[in-house]
């Protein structure tokens, strides 16, 4: 392999590494954005019913349908990676000013669920 081929190969490798770093930073930014409240000034309560036996994915879908989370995927992923207890079934009064970690914590507490 001559010097020109080696230099070209090194450039290609550096470009690929750069693209991987940029993609990783973009994904990190998206996750951070998605963990924030949908509307930090909206403190109005939204009633959400989580059915018994609902999967984390179903819970994320319900919250997205009620505009309580920015990303169904990020909420589902957050539950999978930060679960301390299972999500409880019941009726919850949540706000759009809550972050994903706050919502997940509320949904995992027995005392927060008002079963009816």
PDB file of N, CA and C in Angstrom:
ATOM      1  N   UNK A   1       0.848  -1.172   0.000  1.00  0.00           N
ATOM      2  CA  UNK A   1       0.000   0.000   0.000  1.00  0.00           C
ATOM      3  C   UNK A   1       0.897   1.240   0.000  1.00  0.00           C
ATOM      4  N   UNK A   2       0.639   2.135  -0.921  1.00  0.00           N
ATOM      5  CA  UNK A   2       1.490   3.323  -0.982  1.00  0.00           C
ATOM      6  C   UNK A   2       0.933   4.425  -0.069  1.00  0.00           C
ATOM      7  N   UNK A   3       1.686   5.509   0.048  1.00  0.00           N
ATOM      8  CA  UNK A   3       1.331   6.598   0.958  1.00  0.00           C
ATOM      9  C   UNK A   3       0.008   7.258   0.606  1.00  0.00           C
ATOM     10  N   UNK A   4      -0.275   7.440  -0.687  1.00  0.00           N
ATOM     11  CA  UNK A   4      -1.536   8.074  -1.097  1.00  0.00           C
ATOM     12  C   UNK A   4      -2.742   7.226  -0.698  1.00  0.00           C
ATOM     13  N   UNK A   5      -2.641   5.926  -0.885  1.00  0.00           N
ATOM     14  CA  UNK A   5      -3.745   5.038  -0.509  1.00  0.00           C
ATOM     15  C   UNK A   5      -3.952   5.052   1.010  1.00  0.00           C
ATOM     16  N   UNK A   6      -2.855   5.068   1.748  1.00  0.00           N
ATOM     17  CA  UNK A   6      -2.936   5.094   3.206  1.00  0.00           C
ATOM     18  C   UNK A   6      -3.569   6.398   3.698  1.00  0.00           C
ATOM     19  N   UNK A   7      -3.174   7.525   3.105  1.00  0.00           N
ATOM     20  CA  UNK A   7      -3.753   8.813   3.481  1.00  0.00           C
ATOM     21  C   UNK A   7      -5.250   8.849   3.165  1.00  0.00           C
ATOM     22  N   UNK A   8      -5.630   8.324   2.024  1.00  0.00           N
ATOM     23  CA  UNK A   8      -7.041   8.301   1.637  1.00  0.00           C
ATOM     24  C   UNK A   8      -7.836   7.410   2.594  1.00  0.00           C
ATOM     25  N   UNK A   9      -7.271   6.272   2.935  1.00  0.00           N
ATOM     26  CA  UNK A   9      -7.935   5.367   3.863  1.00  0.00           C
ATOM     27  C   UNK A   9      -8.092   6.034   5.235  1.00  0.00           C
ATOM     28  N   UNK A  10      -7.066   6.731   5.689  1.00  0.00           N
ATOM     29  CA  UNK A  10      -7.134   7.434   6.976  1.00  0.00           C
ATOM     30  C   UNK A  10      -8.211   8.512   6.960  1.00  0.00           C
ATOM     31  N   UNK A  11      -8.324   9.241   5.848  1.00  0.00           N
ATOM     32  CA  UNK A  11      -9.355  10.280   5.715  1.00  0.00           C
ATOM     33  C   UNK A  11     -10.756   9.661   5.807  1.00  0.00           C
ATOM     34  N   UNK A  12     -10.943   8.539   5.117  1.00  0.00           N
ATOM     35  CA  UNK A  12     -12.245   7.867   5.143  1.00  0.00           C
ATOM     36  C   UNK A  12     -12.581   7.433   6.567  1.00  0.00           C
ATOM     37  N   UNK A  13     -11.626   6.870   7.267  1.00  0.00           N
ATOM     38  CA  UNK A  13     -11.846   6.425   8.642  1.00  0.00           C
ATOM     39  C   UNK A  13     -12.175   7.617   9.544  1.00  0.00           C
ATOM     40  N   UNK A  14     -11.444   8.713   9.407  1.00  0.00           N
ATOM     41  CA  UNK A  14     -11.710   9.900  10.216  1.00  0.00           C
ATOM     42  C   UNK A  14     -13.095  10.483   9.923  1.00  0.00           C
ATOM     43  N   UNK A  15     -13.497  10.489   8.663  1.00  0.00           N
ATOM     44  CA  UNK A  15     -14.826  10.983   8.292  1.00  0.00           C
ATOM     45  C   UNK A  15     -15.902  10.093   8.916  1.00  0.00           C
ATOM     46  N   UNK A  16     -15.723   8.780   8.846  1.00  0.00           N
ATOM     47  CA  UNK A  16     -16.694   7.862   9.453  1.00  0.00           C
ATOM     48  C   UNK A  16     -16.787   8.061  10.965  1.00  0.00           C
ATOM     49  N   UNK A  17     -15.661   8.219  11.616  1.00  0.00           N
ATOM     50  CA  UNK A  17     -15.655   8.454  13.062  1.00  0.00           C
ATOM     51  C   UNK A  17     -16.369   9.761  13.378  1.00  0.00           C
ATOM     52  N   UNK A  18     -16.111  10.784  12.591  1.00  0.00           N
ATOM     53  CA  UNK A  18     -16.779  12.072  12.780  1.00  0.00           C
ATOM     54  C   UNK A  18     -18.286  11.959  12.623  1.00  0.00           C
ATOM     55  N   UNK A  19     -18.730  11.228  11.608  1.00  0.00           N
ATOM     56  CA  UNK A  19     -20.162  11.050  11.389  1.00  0.00           C
ATOM     57  C   UNK A  19     -20.818  10.282  12.533  1.00  0.00           C
ATOM     58  N   UNK A  20     -20.127   9.284  13.044  1.00  0.00           N
ATOM     59  CA  UNK A  20     -20.654   8.511  14.172  1.00  0.00           C
ATOM     60  C   UNK A  20     -20.779   9.404  15.411  1.00  0.00           C
ATOM     61  N   UNK A  21     -19.793  10.238  15.649  1.00  0.00           N
ATOM     62  CA  UNK A  21     -19.835  11.157  16.797  1.00  0.00           C
ATOM     63  C   UNK A  21     -20.977  12.148  16.647  1.00  0.00           C
ATOM     64  N   UNK A  22     -21.142  12.714  15.459  1.00  0.00           N
ATOM     65  CA  UNK A  22     -22.227  13.675  15.212  1.00  0.00           C
ATOM     66  C   UNK A  22     -23.585  13.007  15.398  1.00  0.00           C
ATOM     67  N   UNK A  23     -23.732  11.786  14.877  1.00  0.00           N
ATOM     68  CA  UNK A  23     -25.005  11.059  15.033  1.00  0.00           C
ATOM     69  C   UNK A  23     -25.283  10.782  16.512  1.00  0.00           C
ATOM     70  N   UNK A  24     -24.267  10.386  17.256  1.00  0.00           N
ATOM     71  CA  UNK A  24     -24.429  10.124  18.688  1.00  0.00           C
ATOM     72  C   UNK A  24     -24.843  11.371  19.453  1.00  0.00           C
ATOM     73  N   UNK A  25     -24.231  12.499  19.129  1.00  0.00           N
ATOM     74  CA  UNK A  25     -24.601  13.761  19.786  1.00  0.00           C
ATOM     75  C   UNK A  25     -26.025  14.174  19.437  1.00  0.00           C
ATOM     76  N   UNK A  26     -26.419  13.972  18.182  1.00  0.00           N
ATOM     77  CA  UNK A  26     -27.781  14.316  17.763  1.00  0.00           C
ATOM     78  C   UNK A  26     -28.806  13.452  18.502  1.00  0.00           C
ATOM     79  N   UNK A  27     -28.544  12.165  18.632  1.00  0.00           N
ATOM     80  CA  UNK A  27     -29.451  11.267  19.349  1.00  0.00           C
ATOM     81  C   UNK A  27     -29.525  11.663  20.826  1.00  0.00           C
ATOM     82  N   UNK A  28     -28.387  11.998  21.406  1.00  0.00           N
ATOM     83  CA  UNK A  28     -28.341  12.432  22.808  1.00  0.00           C
ATOM     84  C   UNK A  28     -29.186  13.697  23.000  1.00  0.00           C
ATOM     85  N   UNK A  29     -29.049  14.662  22.101  1.00  0.00           N
ATOM     86  CA  UNK A  29     -29.826  15.901  22.175  1.00  0.00           C
ATOM     87  C   UNK A  29     -31.320  15.614  22.055  1.00  0.00           C
ATOM     88  N   UNK A  30     -31.689  14.718  21.135  1.00  0.00           N
ATOM     89  CA  UNK A  30     -33.095  14.363  20.945  1.00  0.00           C
ATOM     90  C   UNK A  30     -33.671  13.738  22.218  1.00  0.00           C
ATOM     91  N   UNK A  31     -32.929  12.840  22.842  1.00  0.00           N
ATOM     92  CA  UNK A  31     -33.395  12.216  24.078  1.00  0.00           C
ATOM     93  C   UNK A  31     -33.553  13.257  25.176  1.00  0.00           C
ATOM     94  N   UNK A  32     -32.574  14.145  25.322  1.00  0.00           N
ATOM     95  CA  UNK A  32     -32.672  15.191  26.344  1.00  0.00           C
ATOM     96  C   UNK A  32     -33.888  16.079  26.104  1.00  0.00           C
ATOM     97  N   UNK A  33     -34.126  16.458  24.863  1.00  0.00           N
ATOM     98  CA  UNK A  33     -35.285  17.270  24.506  1.00  0.00           C
ATOM     99  C   UNK A  33     -36.576  16.525  24.829  1.00  0.00           C
ATOM    100  N   UNK A  34     -36.629  15.236  24.517  1.00  0.00           N
ATOM    101  CA  UNK A  34     -37.837  14.443  24.712  1.00  0.00           C
ATOM    102  C   UNK A  34     -38.142  14.165  26.182  1.00  0.00           C
ATOM    103  N   UNK A  35     -37.158  14.289  27.055  1.00  0.00           N
ATOM    104  CA  UNK A  35     -37.374  14.077  28.489  1.00  0.00           C
ATOM    105  C   UNK A  35     -37.999  15.297  29.161  1.00  0.00           C
ATOM    106  N   UNK A  36     -37.969  16.440  28.483  1.00  0.00           N
ATOM    107  CA  UNK A  36     -38.496  17.685  29.044  1.00  0.00           C
ATOM    108  C   UNK A  36     -40.023  17.708  28.976  1.00  0.00           C
ATOM    109  N   UNK A  37     -40.640  18.598  29.767  1.00  0.00           N
ATOM    110  CA  UNK A  37     -42.100  18.717  29.726  1.00  0.00           C
ATOM    111  C   UNK A  37     -42.588  19.140  28.337  1.00  0.00           C
ATOM    112  N   UNK A  38     -43.790  18.690  27.984  1.00  0.00           N
ATOM    113  CA  UNK A  38     -44.401  19.087  26.718  1.00  0.00           C
ATOM    114  C   UNK A  38     -44.683  20.587  26.755  1.00  0.00           C
ATOM    115  N   UNK A  39     -45.184  21.078  27.896  1.00  0.00           N
ATOM    116  CA  UNK A  39     -45.481  22.502  28.062  1.00  0.00           C
ATOM    117  C   UNK A  39     -45.270  22.861  29.528  1.00  0.00           C
ATOM    118  N   UNK A  40     -44.127  23.430  29.852  1.00  0.00           N
ATOM    119  CA  UNK A  40     -43.779  23.693  31.254  1.00  0.00           C
ATOM    120  C   UNK A  40     -44.694  24.719  31.917  1.00  0.00           C
ATOM    121  N   UNK A  41     -45.475  25.471  31.147  1.00  0.00           N
ATOM    122  CA  UNK A  41     -46.378  26.460  31.742  1.00  0.00           C
ATOM    123  C   UNK A  41     -47.807  25.940  31.890  1.00  0.00           C
ATOM    124  N   UNK A  42     -48.087  24.743  31.405  1.00  0.00           N
ATOM    125  CA  UNK A  42     -49.442  24.180  31.458  1.00  0.00           C
ATOM    126  C   UNK A  42     -49.566  23.267  32.683  1.00  0.00           C
ATOM    127  N   UNK A  43     -50.187  23.783  33.735  1.00  0.00           N
ATOM    128  CA  UNK A  43     -50.335  23.015  34.975  1.00  0.00           C
ATOM    129  C   UNK A  43     -51.724  22.404  35.111  1.00  0.00           C
ATOM    130  N   UNK A  44     -52.524  22.488  34.055  1.00  0.00           N
ATOM    131  CA  UNK A  44     -53.866  21.897  34.075  1.00  0.00           C
ATOM    132  C   UNK A  44     -53.726  20.374  34.131  1.00  0.00           C
ATOM    133  N   UNK A  45     -54.538  19.761  34.958  1.00  0.00           N
ATOM    134  CA  UNK A  45     -54.486  18.300  35.127  1.00  0.00           C
ATOM    135  C   UNK A  45     -55.230  17.600  33.992  1.00  0.00           C
ATOM    136  N   UNK A  46     -54.620  16.512  33.527  1.00  0.00           N
ATOM    137  CA  UNK A  46     -55.217  15.665  32.497  1.00  0.00           C
ATOM    138  C   UNK A  46     -55.442  14.298  33.131  1.00  0.00           C
ATOM    139  N   UNK A  47     -56.656  13.803  33.054  1.00  0.00           N
ATOM    140  CA  UNK A  47     -56.965  12.491  33.631  1.00  0.00           C
ATOM    141  C   UNK A  47     -56.628  11.406  32.618  1.00  0.00           C
ATOM    142  N   UNK A  48     -55.831  10.451  33.058  1.00  0.00           N
ATOM    143  CA  UNK A  48     -55.387   9.353  32.211  1.00  0.00           C
ATOM    144  C   UNK A  48     -55.708   8.046  32.929  1.00  0.00           C
ATOM    145  N   UNK A  49     -56.274   7.096  32.197  1.00  0.00           N
ATOM    146  CA  UNK A  49     -56.569   5.786  32.766  1.00  0.00           C
ATOM    147  C   UNK A  49     -55.595   4.771  32.181  1.00  0.00           C
ATOM    148  N   UNK A  50     -54.855   4.127  33.059  1.00  0.00           N
ATOM    149  CA  UNK A  50     -53.925   3.071  32.656  1.00  0.00           C
ATOM    150  C   UNK A  50     -54.607   1.738  32.967  1.00  0.00           C
ATOM    151  N   UNK A  51     -54.905   0.938  31.940  1.00  0.00           N
ATOM    152  CA  UNK A  51     -55.590  -0.332  32.181  1.00  0.00           C
ATOM    153  C   UNK A  51     -54.668  -1.365  32.843  1.00  0.00           C
ATOM    154  N   UNK A  52     -55.274  -2.286  33.570  1.00  0.00           N
ATOM    155  CA  UNK A  52     -54.507  -3.364  34.194  1.00  0.00           C
ATOM    156  C   UNK A  52     -53.813  -4.178  33.108  1.00  0.00           C
ATOM    157  N   UNK A  53     -52.573  -4.529  33.352  1.00  0.00           N
ATOM    158  CA  UNK A  53     -51.814  -5.348  32.416  1.00  0.00           C
ATOM    159  C   UNK A  53     -51.230  -4.586  31.236  1.00  0.00           C
ATOM    160  N   UNK A  54     -51.340  -3.246  31.253  1.00  0.00           N
ATOM    161  CA  UNK A  54     -50.797  -2.456  30.149  1.00  0.00           C
ATOM    162  C   UNK A  54     -49.277  -2.577  30.104  1.00  0.00           C
ATOM    163  N   UNK A  55     -48.737  -2.778  28.915  1.00  0.00           N
ATOM    164  CA  UNK A  55     -47.281  -2.840  28.739  1.00  0.00           C
ATOM    165  C   UNK A  55     -46.718  -1.426  28.808  1.00  0.00           C
ATOM    166  N   UNK A  56     -45.417  -1.349  28.972  1.00  0.00           N
ATOM    167  CA  UNK A  56     -44.755  -0.043  28.971  1.00  0.00           C
ATOM    168  C   UNK A  56     -45.014   0.685  27.659  1.00  0.00           C
ATOM    169  N   UNK A  57     -45.012  -0.067  26.573  1.00  0.00           N
ATOM    170  CA  UNK A  57     -45.266   0.527  25.262  1.00  0.00           C
ATOM    171  C   UNK A  57     -46.675   1.098  25.188  1.00  0.00           C
ATOM    172  N   UNK A  58     -47.647   0.378  25.730  1.00  0.00           N
ATOM    173  CA  UNK A  58     -49.041   0.848  25.727  1.00  0.00           C
ATOM    174  C   UNK A  58     -49.185   2.090  26.596  1.00  0.00           C
ATOM    175  N   UNK A  59     -48.525   2.118  27.743  1.00  0.00           N
ATOM    176  CA  UNK A  59     -48.562   3.286  28.626  1.00  0.00           C
ATOM    177  C   UNK A  59     -47.975   4.497  27.890  1.00  0.00           C
ATOM    178  N   UNK A  60     -46.862   4.295  27.209  1.00  0.00           N
ATOM    179  CA  UNK A  60     -46.236   5.383  26.452  1.00  0.00           C
ATOM    180  C   UNK A  60     -47.180   5.901  25.368  1.00  0.00           C
ATOM    181  N   UNK A  61     -47.877   4.998  24.720  1.00  0.00           N
ATOM    182  CA  UNK A  61     -48.826   5.387  23.669  1.00  0.00           C
ATOM    183  C   UNK A  61     -49.976   6.210  24.254  1.00  0.00           C
ATOM    184  N   UNK A  62     -50.489   5.786  25.406  1.00  0.00           N
ATOM    185  CA  UNK A  62     -51.566   6.514  26.072  1.00  0.00           C
ATOM    186  C   UNK A  62     -51.113   7.927  26.422  1.00  0.00           C
ATOM    187  N   UNK A  63     -49.912   8.052  26.975  1.00  0.00           N
ATOM    188  CA  UNK A  63     -49.410   9.373  27.352  1.00  0.00           C
ATOM    189  C   UNK A  63     -49.187  10.257  26.124  1.00  0.00           C
ATOM    190  N   UNK A  64     -48.707   9.673  25.054  1.00  0.00           N
ATOM    191  CA  UNK A  64     -48.514  10.435  23.813  1.00  0.00           C
ATOM    192  C   UNK A  64     -49.858  10.901  23.262  1.00  0.00           C
ATOM    193  N   UNK A  65     -50.869  10.040  23.307  1.00  0.00           N
ATOM    194  CA  UNK A  65     -52.207  10.401  22.825  1.00  0.00           C
ATOM    195  C   UNK A  65     -52.804  11.560  23.616  1.00  0.00           C
ATOM    196  N   UNK A  66     -52.438  11.668  24.895  1.00  0.00           N
ATOM    197  CA  UNK A  66     -52.920  12.758  25.752  1.00  0.00           C
ATOM    198  C   UNK A  66     -51.958  13.954  25.742  1.00  0.00           C
ATOM    199  N   UNK A  67     -50.962  13.919  24.883  1.00  0.00           N
ATOM    200  CA  UNK A  67     -49.978  15.010  24.741  1.00  0.00           C
ATOM    201  C   UNK A  67     -49.251  15.302  26.053  1.00  0.00           C
ATOM    202  N   UNK A  68     -48.917  14.231  26.766  1.00  0.00           N
ATOM    203  CA  UNK A  68     -48.189  14.370  28.022  1.00  0.00           C
ATOM    204  C   UNK A  68     -46.695  14.105  27.854  1.00  0.00           C
ATOM    205  N   UNK A  69     -46.305  13.472  26.760  1.00  0.00           N
ATOM    206  CA  UNK A  69     -44.894  13.228  26.460  1.00  0.00           C
ATOM    207  C   UNK A  69     -44.622  13.647  25.018  1.00  0.00           C
ATOM    208  N   UNK A  70     -43.383  14.015  24.765  1.00  0.00           N
ATOM    209  CA  UNK A  70     -42.983  14.424  23.412  1.00  0.00           C
ATOM    210  C   UNK A  70     -42.783  13.219  22.496  1.00  0.00           C
ATOM    211  N   UNK A  71     -42.281  12.123  23.061  1.00  0.00           N
ATOM    212  CA  UNK A  71     -41.950  10.954  22.251  1.00  0.00           C
ATOM    213  C   UNK A  71     -42.393   9.678  22.958  1.00  0.00           C
ATOM    214  N   UNK A  72     -43.214   8.928  22.279  1.00  0.00           N
ATOM    215  CA  UNK A  72     -43.652   7.632  22.804  1.00  0.00           C
ATOM    216  C   UNK A  72     -42.448   6.708  22.965  1.00  0.00           C
ATOM    217  N   UNK A  73     -41.572   6.696  21.973  1.00  0.00           N
ATOM    218  CA  UNK A  73     -40.388   5.832  22.008  1.00  0.00           C
ATOM    219  C   UNK A  73     -39.489   6.164  23.193  1.00  0.00           C
ATOM    220  N   UNK A  74     -39.229   7.452  23.421  1.00  0.00           N
ATOM    221  CA  UNK A  74     -38.332   7.852  24.512  1.00  0.00           C
ATOM    222  C   UNK A  74     -38.945   7.501  25.865  1.00  0.00           C
ATOM    223  N   UNK A  75     -40.266   7.701  26.028  1.00  0.00           N
ATOM    224  CA  UNK A  75     -40.891   7.344  27.296  1.00  0.00           C
ATOM    225  C   UNK A  75     -40.799   5.837  27.540  1.00  0.00           C
ATOM    226  N   UNK A  76     -41.101   5.055  26.517  1.00  0.00           N
ATOM    227  CA  UNK A  76     -41.007   3.598  26.627  1.00  0.00           C
ATOM    228  C   UNK A  76     -39.578   3.183  26.984  1.00  0.00           C
ATOM    229  N   UNK A  77     -38.608   3.757  26.296  1.00  0.00           N
ATOM    230  CA  UNK A  77     -37.203   3.451  26.567  1.00  0.00           C
ATOM    231  C   UNK A  77     -36.830   3.855  27.998  1.00  0.00           C
ATOM    232  N   UNK A  78     -37.310   5.029  28.429  1.00  0.00           N
ATOM    233  CA  UNK A  78     -37.017   5.489  29.784  1.00  0.00           C
ATOM    234  C   UNK A  78     -37.565   4.499  30.816  1.00  0.00           C
ATOM    235  N   UNK A  79     -38.794   4.046  30.602  1.00  0.00           N
ATOM    236  CA  UNK A  79     -39.362   3.063  31.536  1.00  0.00           C
ATOM    237  C   UNK A  79     -38.526   1.784  31.560  1.00  0.00           C
ATOM    238  N   UNK A  80     -38.105   1.320  30.408  1.00  0.00           N
ATOM    239  CA  UNK A  80     -37.318   0.090  30.332  1.00  0.00           C
ATOM    240  C   UNK A  80     -35.988   0.220  31.070  1.00  0.00           C
ATOM    241  N   UNK A  81     -35.397   1.400  31.045  1.00  0.00           N
ATOM    242  CA  UNK A  81     -34.058   1.567  31.614  1.00  0.00           C
ATOM    243  C   UNK A  81     -34.043   2.165  33.021  1.00  0.00           C
ATOM    244  N   UNK A  82     -35.176   2.711  33.483  1.00  0.00           N
ATOM    245  CA  UNK A  82     -35.209   3.359  34.804  1.00  0.00           C
ATOM    246  C   UNK A  82     -36.326   2.837  35.694  1.00  0.00           C
ATOM    247  N   UNK A  83     -36.822   1.687  35.396  1.00  0.00           N
ATOM    248  CA  UNK A  83     -37.970   1.161  36.146  1.00  0.00           C
ATOM    249  C   UNK A  83     -37.546   0.702  37.530  1.00  0.00           C
ATOM    250  N   UNK A  84     -38.215   1.248  38.531  1.00  0.00           N
ATOM    251  CA  UNK A  84     -37.977   0.785  39.896  1.00  0.00           C
ATOM    252  C   UNK A  84     -39.097  -0.164  40.316  1.00  0.00           C
ATOM    253  N   UNK A  85     -40.302   0.100  39.842  1.00  0.00           N
ATOM    254  CA  UNK A  85     -41.474  -0.752  40.064  1.00  0.00           C
ATOM    255  C   UNK A  85     -42.262  -0.740  38.764  1.00  0.00           C
ATOM    256  N   UNK A  86     -43.175  -1.664  38.620  1.00  0.00           N
ATOM    257  CA  UNK A  86     -44.009  -1.656  37.430  1.00  0.00           C
ATOM    258  C   UNK A  86     -44.970  -0.476  37.428  1.00  0.00           C
ATOM    259  N   UNK A  87     -45.412  -0.092  36.265  1.00  0.00           N
ATOM    260  CA  UNK A  87     -46.411   0.961  36.149  1.00  0.00           C
ATOM    261  C   UNK A  87     -47.720   0.425  36.715  1.00  0.00           C
ATOM    262  N   UNK A  88     -48.363   1.223  37.532  1.00  0.00           N
ATOM    263  CA  UNK A  88     -49.597   0.803  38.197  1.00  0.00           C
ATOM    264  C   UNK A  88     -50.804   1.102  37.309  1.00  0.00           C
ATOM    265  N   UNK A  89     -51.795   0.239  37.400  1.00  0.00           N
ATOM    266  CA  UNK A  89     -53.058   0.480  36.710  1.00  0.00           C
ATOM    267  C   UNK A  89     -53.876   1.448  37.552  1.00  0.00           C
ATOM    268  N   UNK A  90     -54.723   2.224  36.907  1.00  0.00           N
ATOM    269  CA  UNK A  90     -55.595   3.129  37.640  1.00  0.00           C
ATOM    270  C   UNK A  90     -55.799   4.434  36.917  1.00  0.00           C
ATOM    271  N   UNK A  91     -56.404   5.369  37.620  1.00  0.00           N
ATOM    272  CA  UNK A  91     -56.692   6.695  37.076  1.00  0.00           C
ATOM    273  C   UNK A  91     -55.675   7.676  37.662  1.00  0.00           C
ATOM    274  N   UNK A  92     -55.014   8.402  36.786  1.00  0.00           N
ATOM    275  CA  UNK A  92     -53.991   9.349  37.198  1.00  0.00           C
ATOM    276  C   UNK A  92     -54.349  10.740  36.698  1.00  0.00           C
ATOM    277  N   UNK A  93     -54.021  11.737  37.493  1.00  0.00           N
ATOM    278  CA  UNK A  93     -54.196  13.132  37.074  1.00  0.00           C
ATOM    279  C   UNK A  93     -52.802  13.705  36.881  1.00  0.00           C
ATOM    280  N   UNK A  94     -52.439  13.898  35.629  1.00  0.00           N
ATOM    281  CA  UNK A  94     -51.085  14.309  35.263  1.00  0.00           C
ATOM    282  C   UNK A  94     -51.108  15.677  34.599  1.00  0.00           C
ATOM    283  N   UNK A  95     -49.940  16.321  34.540  1.00  0.00           N
ATOM    284  CA  UNK A  95     -49.852  17.625  33.879  1.00  0.00           C
ATOM    285  C   UNK A  95     -48.834  17.582  32.745  1.00  0.00           C
ATOM    286  N   UNK A  96     -49.035  18.460  31.782  1.00  0.00           N
ATOM    287  CA  UNK A  96     -48.101  18.583  30.657  1.00  0.00           C
ATOM    288  C   UNK A  96     -46.807  19.284  31.077  1.00  0.00           C
ATOM    289  N   UNK A  97     -46.788  19.802  32.301  1.00  0.00           N
ATOM    290  CA  UNK A  97     -45.585  20.465  32.803  1.00  0.00           C
ATOM    291  C   UNK A  97     -44.639  19.487  33.505  1.00  0.00           C
ATOM    292  N   UNK A  98     -45.005  18.215  33.537  1.00  0.00           N
ATOM    293  CA  UNK A  98     -44.166  17.194  34.187  1.00  0.00           C
ATOM    294  C   UNK A  98     -43.147  16.641  33.190  1.00  0.00           C
ATOM    295  N   UNK A  99     -41.961  16.347  33.691  1.00  0.00           N
ATOM    296  CA  UNK A  99     -40.923  15.729  32.864  1.00  0.00           C
ATOM    297  C   UNK A  99     -41.184  14.231  32.763  1.00  0.00           C
ATOM    298  N   UNK A 100     -40.506  13.582  31.851  1.00  0.00           N
ATOM    299  CA  UNK A 100     -40.638  12.127  31.714  1.00  0.00           C
ATOM    300  C   UNK A 100     -40.262  11.418  33.019  1.00  0.00           C
ATOM    301  N   UNK A 101     -39.152  11.776  33.673  1.00  0.00           N
ATOM    302  CA  UNK A 101     -38.846  11.105  34.942  1.00  0.00           C
ATOM    303  C   UNK A 101     -39.940  11.319  36.000  1.00  0.00           C
ATOM    304  N   UNK A 102     -40.535  12.504  36.043  1.00  0.00           N
ATOM    305  CA  UNK A 102     -41.607  12.762  37.005  1.00  0.00           C
ATOM    306  C   UNK A 102     -42.842  11.917  36.684  1.00  0.00           C
ATOM    307  N   UNK A 103     -43.223  11.873  35.410  1.00  0.00           N
ATOM    308  CA  UNK A 103     -44.376  11.066  35.007  1.00  0.00           C
ATOM    309  C   UNK A 103     -44.153   9.588  35.327  1.00  0.00           C
ATOM    310  N   UNK A 104     -42.967   9.097  35.007  1.00  0.00           N
ATOM    311  CA  UNK A 104     -42.654   7.687  35.268  1.00  0.00           C
ATOM    312  C   UNK A 104     -42.730   7.392  36.761  1.00  0.00           C
ATOM    313  N   UNK A 105     -42.215   8.294  37.576  1.00  0.00           N
ATOM    314  CA  UNK A 105     -42.273   8.107  39.027  1.00  0.00           C
ATOM    315  C   UNK A 105     -43.694   8.060  39.543  1.00  0.00           C
ATOM    316  N   UNK A 106     -44.543   8.961  39.050  1.00  0.00           N
ATOM    317  CA  UNK A 106     -45.948   8.991  39.477  1.00  0.00           C
ATOM    318  C   UNK A 106     -46.646   7.692  39.091  1.00  0.00           C
ATOM    319  N   UNK A 107     -46.406   7.228  37.872  1.00  0.00           N
ATOM    320  CA  UNK A 107     -47.086   6.027  37.385  1.00  0.00           C
ATOM    321  C   UNK A 107     -46.617   4.747  38.075  1.00  0.00           C
ATOM    322  N   UNK A 108     -45.493   4.825  38.768  1.00  0.00           N
ATOM    323  CA  UNK A 108     -44.968   3.645  39.449  1.00  0.00           C
ATOM    324  C   UNK A 108     -45.286   3.628  40.944  1.00  0.00           C
ATOM    325  N   UNK A 109     -45.975   4.672  41.434  1.00  0.00           N
ATOM    326  CA  UNK A 109     -46.303   4.753  42.862  1.00  0.00           C
ATOM    327  C   UNK A 109     -47.726   4.260  43.097  1.00  0.00           C
ATOM    328  N   UNK A 110     -47.908   3.416  44.087  1.00  0.00           N
ATOM    329  CA  UNK A 110     -49.245   2.932  44.444  1.00  0.00           C
ATOM    330  C   UNK A 110     -50.170   4.055  44.877  1.00  0.00           C
ATOM    331  N   UNK A 111     -49.650   4.978  45.692  1.00  0.00           N
ATOM    332  CA  UNK A 111     -50.503   6.012  46.275  1.00  0.00           C
ATOM    333  C   UNK A 111     -50.965   7.024  45.236  1.00  0.00           C
ATOM    334  N   UNK A 112     -50.294   7.117  44.091  1.00  0.00           N
ATOM    335  CA  UNK A 112     -50.689   8.077  43.072  1.00  0.00           C
ATOM    336  C   UNK A 112     -51.889   7.597  42.276  1.00  0.00           C
ATOM    337  N   UNK A 113     -52.095   6.296  42.237  1.00  0.00           N
ATOM    338  CA  UNK A 113     -53.201   5.756  41.446  1.00  0.00           C
ATOM    339  C   UNK A 113     -54.500   5.843  42.232  1.00  0.00           C
ATOM    340  N   UNK A 114     -55.516   6.359  41.563  1.00  0.00           N
ATOM    341  CA  UNK A 114     -56.845   6.418  42.177  1.00  0.00           C
ATOM    342  C   UNK A 114     -57.701   5.397  41.423  1.00  0.00           C
ATOM    343  N   UNK A 115     -57.771   4.210  41.974  1.00  0.00           N
ATOM    344  CA  UNK A 115     -58.493   3.129  41.284  1.00  0.00           C
ATOM    345  C   UNK A 115     -59.981   3.320  41.467  1.00  0.00           C
ATOM    346  N   UNK A 116     -60.690   3.187  40.345  1.00  0.00           N
ATOM    347  CA  UNK A 116     -62.147   3.306  40.381  1.00  0.00           C
ATOM    348  C   UNK A 116     -62.750   2.305  39.457  1.00  0.00           C
TER     349      UNK A 116
END
